[in-house]
Amino acid sequence: RLLTVSVSAGTTLTEAAHAGRYNICAGNVTLPSTSTAGEHYAILNTTGGAITIGRNSRNINGAAQDFSVQSFQAATCIAIGSNNWMVIG
């Protein structure tokens, strides 16, 4: 299984502390502004409401928009080059 890490609301994710782990998120988080293709983050929303994955001035799924994860759901964020992201979930 993957390692887990508790993530406070308002955290900007980093490769060293969060990549390749289950990130148990207590609120909104932001993706890194730079990334390497294939870098990935599993975001687990453990709150009673939706949280936002901030795009940090990059694109998510080809659009300049943040991504929402509903209560007790998850999303996987994968870097796809040019510091842009694909989010599944």
PDB file of N, CA and C in Angstrom:
ATOM      1  N   ARG A   1       0.824  -1.171   0.000  1.00  0.00           N
ATOM      2  CA  ARG A   1       0.000   0.000   0.000  1.00  0.00           C
ATOM      3  C   ARG A   1       0.866   1.231   0.000  1.00  0.00           C
ATOM      4  N   LEU A   2       0.287   2.354  -0.393  1.00  0.00           N
ATOM      5  CA  LEU A   2       1.021   3.618  -0.370  1.00  0.00           C
ATOM      6  C   LEU A   2       1.104   4.159   1.052  1.00  0.00           C
ATOM      7  N   LEU A   3       2.133   4.935   1.304  1.00  0.00           N
ATOM      8  CA  LEU A   3       2.231   5.644   2.574  1.00  0.00           C
ATOM      9  C   LEU A   3       1.142   6.711   2.635  1.00  0.00           C
ATOM     10  N   THR A   4       0.781   7.118   3.840  1.00  0.00           N
ATOM     11  CA  THR A   4      -0.206   8.183   3.999  1.00  0.00           C
ATOM     12  C   THR A   4       0.450   9.384   4.664  1.00  0.00           C
ATOM     13  N   VAL A   5      -0.123  10.546   4.410  1.00  0.00           N
ATOM     14  CA  VAL A   5       0.328  11.773   5.054  1.00  0.00           C
ATOM     15  C   VAL A   5      -0.902  12.651   5.294  1.00  0.00           C
ATOM     16  N   SER A   6      -1.018  13.208   6.478  1.00  0.00           N
ATOM     17  CA  SER A   6      -2.103  14.142   6.781  1.00  0.00           C
ATOM     18  C   SER A   6      -1.722  15.517   6.261  1.00  0.00           C
ATOM     19  N   VAL A   7      -2.658  16.158   5.559  1.00  0.00           N
ATOM     20  CA  VAL A   7      -2.391  17.448   4.933  1.00  0.00           C
ATOM     21  C   VAL A   7      -3.373  18.481   5.475  1.00  0.00           C
ATOM     22  N   SER A   8      -2.836  19.551   6.015  1.00  0.00           N
ATOM     23  CA  SER A   8      -3.660  20.639   6.541  1.00  0.00           C
ATOM     24  C   SER A   8      -4.279  21.442   5.407  1.00  0.00           C
ATOM     25  N   ALA A   9      -5.409  22.084   5.682  1.00  0.00           N
ATOM     26  CA  ALA A   9      -6.045  22.971   4.706  1.00  0.00           C
ATOM     27  C   ALA A   9      -5.073  24.077   4.332  1.00  0.00           C
ATOM     28  N   GLY A  10      -5.058  24.448   3.064  1.00  0.00           N
ATOM     29  CA  GLY A  10      -4.224  25.538   2.596  1.00  0.00           C
ATOM     30  C   GLY A  10      -2.812  25.134   2.229  1.00  0.00           C
ATOM     31  N   THR A  11      -2.501  23.846   2.248  1.00  0.00           N
ATOM     32  CA  THR A  11      -1.151  23.367   1.953  1.00  0.00           C
ATOM     33  C   THR A  11      -0.879  23.349   0.452  1.00  0.00           C
ATOM     34  N   THR A  12       0.318  23.793   0.064  1.00  0.00           N
ATOM     35  CA  THR A  12       0.794  23.589  -1.295  1.00  0.00           C
ATOM     36  C   THR A  12       1.610  22.304  -1.278  1.00  0.00           C
ATOM     37  N   LEU A  13       1.200  21.344  -2.076  1.00  0.00           N
ATOM     38  CA  LEU A  13       1.842  20.032  -2.098  1.00  0.00           C
ATOM     39  C   LEU A  13       3.258  20.129  -2.665  1.00  0.00           C
ATOM     40  N   THR A  14       4.150  19.260  -2.171  1.00  0.00           N
ATOM     41  CA  THR A  14       5.517  19.199  -2.681  1.00  0.00           C
ATOM     42  C   THR A  14       5.856  17.754  -3.032  1.00  0.00           C
ATOM     43  N   GLU A  15       6.764  17.607  -3.980  1.00  0.00           N
ATOM     44  CA  GLU A  15       7.156  16.255  -4.378  1.00  0.00           C
ATOM     45  C   GLU A  15       7.773  15.500  -3.205  1.00  0.00           C
ATOM     46  N   ALA A  16       8.643  16.155  -2.442  1.00  0.00           N
ATOM     47  CA  ALA A  16       9.345  15.489  -1.347  1.00  0.00           C
ATOM     48  C   ALA A  16       8.416  15.002  -0.240  1.00  0.00           C
ATOM     49  N   ALA A  17       7.383  15.782   0.078  1.00  0.00           N
ATOM     50  CA  ALA A  17       6.519  15.445   1.211  1.00  0.00           C
ATOM     51  C   ALA A  17       5.232  14.727   0.837  1.00  0.00           C
ATOM     52  N   HIS A  18       4.766  14.867  -0.418  1.00  0.00           N
ATOM     53  CA  HIS A  18       3.416  14.398  -0.743  1.00  0.00           C
ATOM     54  C   HIS A  18       3.296  13.486  -1.961  1.00  0.00           C
ATOM     55  N   ALA A  19       4.234  13.515  -2.888  1.00  0.00           N
ATOM     56  CA  ALA A  19       4.096  12.727  -4.123  1.00  0.00           C
ATOM     57  C   ALA A  19       4.153  11.236  -3.819  1.00  0.00           C
ATOM     58  N   GLY A  20       3.331  10.462  -4.530  1.00  0.00           N
ATOM     59  CA  GLY A  20       3.330   9.016  -4.375  1.00  0.00           C
ATOM     60  C   GLY A  20       2.730   8.522  -3.077  1.00  0.00           C
ATOM     61  N   ARG A  21       2.000   9.365  -2.378  1.00  0.00           N
ATOM     62  CA  ARG A  21       1.374   8.995  -1.099  1.00  0.00           C
ATOM     63  C   ARG A  21      -0.124   9.246  -1.171  1.00  0.00           C
ATOM     64  N   TYR A  22      -0.850   8.622  -0.255  1.00  0.00           N
ATOM     65  CA  TYR A  22      -2.252   8.990  -0.056  1.00  0.00           C
ATOM     66  C   TYR A  22      -2.252  10.232   0.823  1.00  0.00           C
ATOM     67  N   ASN A  23      -2.718  11.345   0.286  1.00  0.00           N
ATOM     68  CA  ASN A  23      -2.764  12.606   1.008  1.00  0.00           C
ATOM     69  C   ASN A  23      -4.149  12.760   1.629  1.00  0.00           C
ATOM     70  N   ILE A  24      -4.231  12.613   2.934  1.00  0.00           N
ATOM     71  CA  ILE A  24      -5.502  12.726   3.654  1.00  0.00           C
ATOM     72  C   ILE A  24      -5.703  14.202   3.960  1.00  0.00           C
ATOM     73  N   CYS A  25      -6.574  14.842   3.191  1.00  0.00           N
ATOM     74  CA  CYS A  25      -6.679  16.301   3.197  1.00  0.00           C
ATOM     75  C   CYS A  25      -7.824  16.798   4.066  1.00  0.00           C
ATOM     76  N   ALA A  26      -7.500  17.779   4.913  1.00  0.00           N
ATOM     77  CA  ALA A  26      -8.476  18.387   5.813  1.00  0.00           C
ATOM     78  C   ALA A  26      -9.080  19.658   5.222  1.00  0.00           C
ATOM     79  N   GLY A  27      -8.769  19.959   3.975  1.00  0.00           N
ATOM     80  CA  GLY A  27      -9.296  21.160   3.320  1.00  0.00           C
ATOM     81  C   GLY A  27      -8.610  21.361   1.985  1.00  0.00           C
ATOM     82  N   ASN A  28      -8.803  22.539   1.411  1.00  0.00           N
ATOM     83  CA  ASN A  28      -8.252  22.860   0.093  1.00  0.00           C
ATOM     84  C   ASN A  28      -6.736  22.688   0.068  1.00  0.00           C
ATOM     85  N   VAL A  29      -6.230  22.211  -1.079  1.00  0.00           N
ATOM     86  CA  VAL A  29      -4.793  22.066  -1.286  1.00  0.00           C
ATOM     87  C   VAL A  29      -4.447  22.646  -2.656  1.00  0.00           C
ATOM     88  N   THR A  30      -3.158  22.890  -2.870  1.00  0.00           N
ATOM     89  CA  THR A  30      -2.692  23.445  -4.137  1.00  0.00           C
ATOM     90  C   THR A  30      -1.584  22.560  -4.685  1.00  0.00           C
ATOM     91  N   LEU A  31      -1.648  22.297  -5.989  1.00  0.00           N
ATOM     92  CA  LEU A  31      -0.607  21.519  -6.649  1.00  0.00           C
ATOM     93  C   LEU A  31       0.669  22.352  -6.769  1.00  0.00           C
ATOM     94  N   PRO A  32       1.827  21.701  -6.894  1.00  0.00           N
ATOM     95  CA  PRO A  32       3.075  22.452  -7.079  1.00  0.00           C
ATOM     96  C   PRO A  32       3.034  23.255  -8.382  1.00  0.00           C
ATOM     97  N   SER A  33       3.780  24.349  -8.427  1.00  0.00           N
ATOM     98  CA  SER A  33       3.821  25.162  -9.651  1.00  0.00           C
ATOM     99  C   SER A  33       4.724  24.533 -10.710  1.00  0.00           C
ATOM    100  N   THR A  34       5.651  23.685 -10.289  1.00  0.00           N
ATOM    101  CA  THR A  34       6.494  22.955 -11.239  1.00  0.00           C
ATOM    102  C   THR A  34       6.410  21.469 -10.931  1.00  0.00           C
ATOM    103  N   SER A  35       6.555  20.661 -11.964  1.00  0.00           N
ATOM    104  CA  SER A  35       6.430  19.212 -11.777  1.00  0.00           C
ATOM    105  C   SER A  35       7.195  18.486 -12.862  1.00  0.00           C
ATOM    106  N   THR A  36       7.425  17.212 -12.633  1.00  0.00           N
ATOM    107  CA  THR A  36       8.049  16.319 -13.592  1.00  0.00           C
ATOM    108  C   THR A  36       6.970  15.379 -14.109  1.00  0.00           C
ATOM    109  N   ALA A  37       6.946  15.133 -15.409  1.00  0.00           N
ATOM    110  CA  ALA A  37       5.937  14.238 -15.980  1.00  0.00           C
ATOM    111  C   ALA A  37       5.908  12.926 -15.203  1.00  0.00           C
ATOM    112  N   GLY A  38       4.715  12.499 -14.819  1.00  0.00           N
ATOM    113  CA  GLY A  38       4.521  11.266 -14.068  1.00  0.00           C
ATOM    114  C   GLY A  38       4.421  11.463 -12.569  1.00  0.00           C
ATOM    115  N   GLU A  39       4.822  12.629 -12.078  1.00  0.00           N
ATOM    116  CA  GLU A  39       4.674  12.938 -10.645  1.00  0.00           C
ATOM    117  C   GLU A  39       3.187  12.867 -10.313  1.00  0.00           C
ATOM    118  N   HIS A  40       2.828  12.222  -9.208  1.00  0.00           N
ATOM    119  CA  HIS A  40       1.396  12.086  -8.925  1.00  0.00           C
ATOM    120  C   HIS A  40       1.079  12.226  -7.435  1.00  0.00           C
ATOM    121  N   TYR A  41      -0.156  12.646  -7.212  1.00  0.00           N
ATOM    122  CA  TYR A  41      -0.669  12.881  -5.863  1.00  0.00           C
ATOM    123  C   TYR A  41      -2.064  12.281  -5.765  1.00  0.00           C
ATOM    124  N   ALA A  42      -2.302  11.455  -4.753  1.00  0.00           N
ATOM    125  CA  ALA A  42      -3.636  10.910  -4.479  1.00  0.00           C
ATOM    126  C   ALA A  42      -4.249  11.777  -3.374  1.00  0.00           C
ATOM    127  N   ILE A  43      -5.322  12.471  -3.704  1.00  0.00           N
ATOM    128  CA  ILE A  43      -5.983  13.398  -2.787  1.00  0.00           C
ATOM    129  C   ILE A  43      -7.233  12.724  -2.226  1.00  0.00           C
ATOM    130  N   LEU A  44      -7.285  12.545  -0.908  1.00  0.00           N
ATOM    131  CA  LEU A  44      -8.442  11.944  -0.250  1.00  0.00           C
ATOM    132  C   LEU A  44      -9.133  13.030   0.570  1.00  0.00           C
ATOM    133  N   ASN A  45     -10.369  13.332   0.214  1.00  0.00           N
ATOM    134  CA  ASN A  45     -11.133  14.348   0.936  1.00  0.00           C
ATOM    135  C   ASN A  45     -11.844  13.674   2.110  1.00  0.00           C
ATOM    136  N   THR A  46     -11.393  13.965   3.307  1.00  0.00           N
ATOM    137  CA  THR A  46     -12.000  13.365   4.504  1.00  0.00           C
ATOM    138  C   THR A  46     -12.895  14.350   5.243  1.00  0.00           C
ATOM    139  N   THR A  47     -13.268  15.441   4.578  1.00  0.00           N
ATOM    140  CA  THR A  47     -14.114  16.454   5.208  1.00  0.00           C
ATOM    141  C   THR A  47     -15.588  16.189   4.921  1.00  0.00           C
ATOM    142  N   GLY A  48     -16.446  16.937   5.578  1.00  0.00           N
ATOM    143  CA  GLY A  48     -17.886  16.835   5.361  1.00  0.00           C
ATOM    144  C   GLY A  48     -18.375  17.705   4.219  1.00  0.00           C
ATOM    145  N   GLY A  49     -17.463  18.301   3.446  1.00  0.00           N
ATOM    146  CA  GLY A  49     -17.827  19.156   2.314  1.00  0.00           C
ATOM    147  C   GLY A  49     -16.783  19.054   1.219  1.00  0.00           C
ATOM    148  N   ALA A  50     -17.052  19.719   0.112  1.00  0.00           N
ATOM    149  CA  ALA A  50     -16.123  19.685  -1.028  1.00  0.00           C
ATOM    150  C   ALA A  50     -14.837  20.433  -0.692  1.00  0.00           C
ATOM    151  N   ILE A  51     -13.735  19.984  -1.290  1.00  0.00           N
ATOM    152  CA  ILE A  51     -12.476  20.720  -1.213  1.00  0.00           C
ATOM    153  C   ILE A  51     -12.020  21.037  -2.640  1.00  0.00           C
ATOM    154  N   THR A  52     -11.144  22.013  -2.757  1.00  0.00           N
ATOM    155  CA  THR A  52     -10.623  22.423  -4.051  1.00  0.00           C
ATOM    156  C   THR A  52      -9.158  22.047  -4.162  1.00  0.00           C
ATOM    157  N   ILE A  53      -8.790  21.513  -5.332  1.00  0.00           N
ATOM    158  CA  ILE A  53      -7.398  21.299  -5.675  1.00  0.00           C
ATOM    159  C   ILE A  53      -7.014  22.481  -6.559  1.00  0.00           C
ATOM    160  N   GLY A  54      -6.185  23.373  -6.033  1.00  0.00           N
ATOM    161  CA  GLY A  54      -5.768  24.554  -6.781  1.00  0.00           C
ATOM    162  C   GLY A  54      -4.737  24.208  -7.839  1.00  0.00           C
ATOM    163  N   ARG A  55      -4.817  24.861  -8.973  1.00  0.00           N
ATOM    164  CA  ARG A  55      -3.970  24.538 -10.124  1.00  0.00           C
ATOM    165  C   ARG A  55      -2.638  25.272 -10.132  1.00  0.00           C
ATOM    166  N   ASN A  56      -2.478  26.282  -9.277  1.00  0.00           N
ATOM    167  CA  ASN A  56      -1.214  27.018  -9.152  1.00  0.00           C
ATOM    168  C   ASN A  56      -0.757  27.597 -10.490  1.00  0.00           C
ATOM    169  N   SER A  57      -1.684  28.253 -11.192  1.00  0.00           N
ATOM    170  CA  SER A  57      -1.426  28.916 -12.484  1.00  0.00           C
ATOM    171  C   SER A  57      -1.110  27.949 -13.618  1.00  0.00           C
ATOM    172  N   ARG A  58      -1.394  26.676 -13.444  1.00  0.00           N
ATOM    173  CA  ARG A  58      -1.201  25.686 -14.502  1.00  0.00           C
ATOM    174  C   ARG A  58      -2.564  25.219 -14.983  1.00  0.00           C
ATOM    175  N   ASN A  59      -2.597  24.321 -15.958  1.00  0.00           N
ATOM    176  CA  ASN A  59      -3.854  23.768 -16.436  1.00  0.00           C
ATOM    177  C   ASN A  59      -4.124  22.425 -15.778  1.00  0.00           C
ATOM    178  N   ILE A  60      -5.406  22.163 -15.534  1.00  0.00           N
ATOM    179  CA  ILE A  60      -5.867  20.852 -15.082  1.00  0.00           C
ATOM    180  C   ILE A  60      -6.840  20.339 -16.134  1.00  0.00           C
ATOM    181  N   ASN A  61      -6.571  19.162 -16.645  1.00  0.00           N
ATOM    182  CA  ASN A  61      -7.391  18.550 -17.692  1.00  0.00           C
ATOM    183  C   ASN A  61      -7.588  19.499 -18.874  1.00  0.00           C
ATOM    184  N   GLY A  62      -6.517  20.230 -19.216  1.00  0.00           N
ATOM    185  CA  GLY A  62      -6.528  21.106 -20.381  1.00  0.00           C
ATOM    186  C   GLY A  62      -7.184  22.454 -20.175  1.00  0.00           C
ATOM    187  N   ALA A  63      -7.601  22.777 -18.971  1.00  0.00           N
ATOM    188  CA  ALA A  63      -8.292  24.048 -18.717  1.00  0.00           C
ATOM    189  C   ALA A  63      -7.651  24.804 -17.563  1.00  0.00           C
ATOM    190  N   ALA A  64      -7.763  26.098 -17.604  1.00  0.00           N
ATOM    191  CA  ALA A  64      -7.243  26.958 -16.532  1.00  0.00           C
ATOM    192  C   ALA A  64      -8.290  27.059 -15.424  1.00  0.00           C
ATOM    193  N   GLN A  65      -8.598  25.903 -14.808  1.00  0.00           N
ATOM    194  CA  GLN A  65      -9.602  25.838 -13.746  1.00  0.00           C
ATOM    195  C   GLN A  65      -9.130  24.910 -12.642  1.00  0.00           C
ATOM    196  N   ASP A  66      -9.484  25.261 -11.407  1.00  0.00           N
ATOM    197  CA  ASP A  66      -9.224  24.376 -10.282  1.00  0.00           C
ATOM    198  C   ASP A  66     -10.155  23.171 -10.370  1.00  0.00           C
ATOM    199  N   PHE A  67      -9.926  22.180  -9.513  1.00  0.00           N
ATOM    200  CA  PHE A  67     -10.705  20.941  -9.525  1.00  0.00           C
ATOM    201  C   PHE A  67     -11.324  20.734  -8.149  1.00  0.00           C
ATOM    202  N   SER A  68     -12.588  20.330  -8.095  1.00  0.00           N
ATOM    203  CA  SER A  68     -13.258  20.072  -6.816  1.00  0.00           C
ATOM    204  C   SER A  68     -13.363  18.577  -6.549  1.00  0.00           C
ATOM    205  N   VAL A  69     -13.193  18.219  -5.283  1.00  0.00           N
ATOM    206  CA  VAL A  69     -13.369  16.838  -4.836  1.00  0.00           C
ATOM    207  C   VAL A  69     -14.451  16.854  -3.761  1.00  0.00           C
ATOM    208  N   GLN A  70     -15.506  16.113  -3.990  1.00  0.00           N
ATOM    209  CA  GLN A  70     -16.634  16.113  -3.077  1.00  0.00           C
ATOM    210  C   GLN A  70     -16.317  15.372  -1.783  1.00  0.00           C
ATOM    211  N   SER A  71     -17.163  15.552  -0.807  1.00  0.00           N
ATOM    212  CA  SER A  71     -17.008  14.959   0.509  1.00  0.00           C
ATOM    213  C   SER A  71     -16.791  13.451   0.431  1.00  0.00           C
ATOM    214  N   PHE A  72     -15.743  12.963   1.112  1.00  0.00           N
ATOM    215  CA  PHE A  72     -15.405  11.545   1.199  1.00  0.00           C
ATOM    216  C   PHE A  72     -15.206  10.893  -0.168  1.00  0.00           C
ATOM    217  N   GLN A  73     -14.624  11.672  -1.114  1.00  0.00           N
ATOM    218  CA  GLN A  73     -14.240  11.145  -2.419  1.00  0.00           C
ATOM    219  C   GLN A  73     -12.755  11.410  -2.629  1.00  0.00           C
ATOM    220  N   ALA A  74     -12.215  10.939  -3.743  1.00  0.00           N
ATOM    221  CA  ALA A  74     -10.782  11.057  -3.995  1.00  0.00           C
ATOM    222  C   ALA A  74     -10.520  11.443  -5.445  1.00  0.00           C
ATOM    223  N   ALA A  75      -9.308  11.947  -5.688  1.00  0.00           N
ATOM    224  CA  ALA A  75      -8.846  12.267  -7.039  1.00  0.00           C
ATOM    225  C   ALA A  75      -7.352  11.997  -7.097  1.00  0.00           C
ATOM    226  N   THR A  76      -6.882  11.581  -8.263  1.00  0.00           N
ATOM    227  CA  THR A  76      -5.457  11.410  -8.486  1.00  0.00           C
ATOM    228  C   THR A  76      -4.999  12.467  -9.481  1.00  0.00           C
ATOM    229  N   CYS A  77      -3.955  13.201  -9.114  1.00  0.00           N
ATOM    230  CA  CYS A  77      -3.403  14.267  -9.948  1.00  0.00           C
ATOM    231  C   CYS A  77      -2.082  13.771 -10.516  1.00  0.00           C
ATOM    232  N   ILE A  78      -1.958  13.792 -11.855  1.00  0.00           N
ATOM    233  CA  ILE A  78      -0.765  13.287 -12.514  1.00  0.00           C
ATOM    234  C   ILE A  78      -0.187  14.393 -13.387  1.00  0.00           C
ATOM    235  N   ALA A  79       1.102  14.690 -13.203  1.00  0.00           N
ATOM    236  CA  ALA A  79       1.772  15.689 -14.028  1.00  0.00           C
ATOM    237  C   ALA A  79       1.953  15.139 -15.440  1.00  0.00           C
ATOM    238  N   ILE A  80       1.640  15.967 -16.443  1.00  0.00           N
ATOM    239  CA  ILE A  80       1.681  15.505 -17.833  1.00  0.00           C
ATOM    240  C   ILE A  80       2.678  16.285 -18.686  1.00  0.00           C
ATOM    241  N   GLY A  81       3.577  17.011 -18.077  1.00  0.00           N
ATOM    242  CA  GLY A  81       4.560  17.795 -18.820  1.00  0.00           C
ATOM    243  C   GLY A  81       4.149  19.253 -18.888  1.00  0.00           C
ATOM    244  N   SER A  82       5.103  20.126 -19.160  1.00  0.00           N
ATOM    245  CA  SER A  82       4.879  21.582 -19.179  1.00  0.00           C
ATOM    246  C   SER A  82       4.225  22.058 -17.886  1.00  0.00           C
ATOM    247  N   ASN A  83       4.457  21.330 -16.804  1.00  0.00           N
ATOM    248  CA  ASN A  83       3.905  21.654 -15.469  1.00  0.00           C
ATOM    249  C   ASN A  83       2.382  21.671 -15.430  1.00  0.00           C
ATOM    250  N   ASN A  84       1.726  20.972 -16.348  1.00  0.00           N
ATOM    251  CA  ASN A  84       0.272  20.859 -16.361  1.00  0.00           C
ATOM    252  C   ASN A  84      -0.138  19.515 -15.774  1.00  0.00           C
ATOM    253  N   TRP A  85      -1.433  19.395 -15.460  1.00  0.00           N
ATOM    254  CA  TRP A  85      -1.933  18.241 -14.706  1.00  0.00           C
ATOM    255  C   TRP A  85      -3.137  17.584 -15.359  1.00  0.00           C
ATOM    256  N   MET A  86      -3.241  16.268 -15.163  1.00  0.00           N
ATOM    257  CA  MET A  86      -4.446  15.506 -15.480  1.00  0.00           C
ATOM    258  C   MET A  86      -4.985  15.055 -14.130  1.00  0.00           C
ATOM    259  N   VAL A  87      -6.280  15.262 -13.904  1.00  0.00           N
ATOM    260  CA  VAL A  87      -6.889  14.834 -12.651  1.00  0.00           C
ATOM    261  C   VAL A  87      -7.965  13.807 -12.967  1.00  0.00           C
ATOM    262  N   ILE A  88      -7.881  12.673 -12.285  1.00  0.00           N
ATOM    263  CA  ILE A  88      -8.849  11.586 -12.449  1.00  0.00           C
ATOM    264  C   ILE A  88      -9.574  11.432 -11.115  1.00  0.00           C
ATOM    265  N   GLY A  89     -10.887  11.454 -11.170  1.00  0.00           N
ATOM    266  CA  GLY A  89     -11.629  11.252  -9.937  1.00  0.00           C
ATOM    267  C   GLY A  89     -12.892  12.035  -9.881  1.00  0.00           C
TER     268      GLY A  89
END
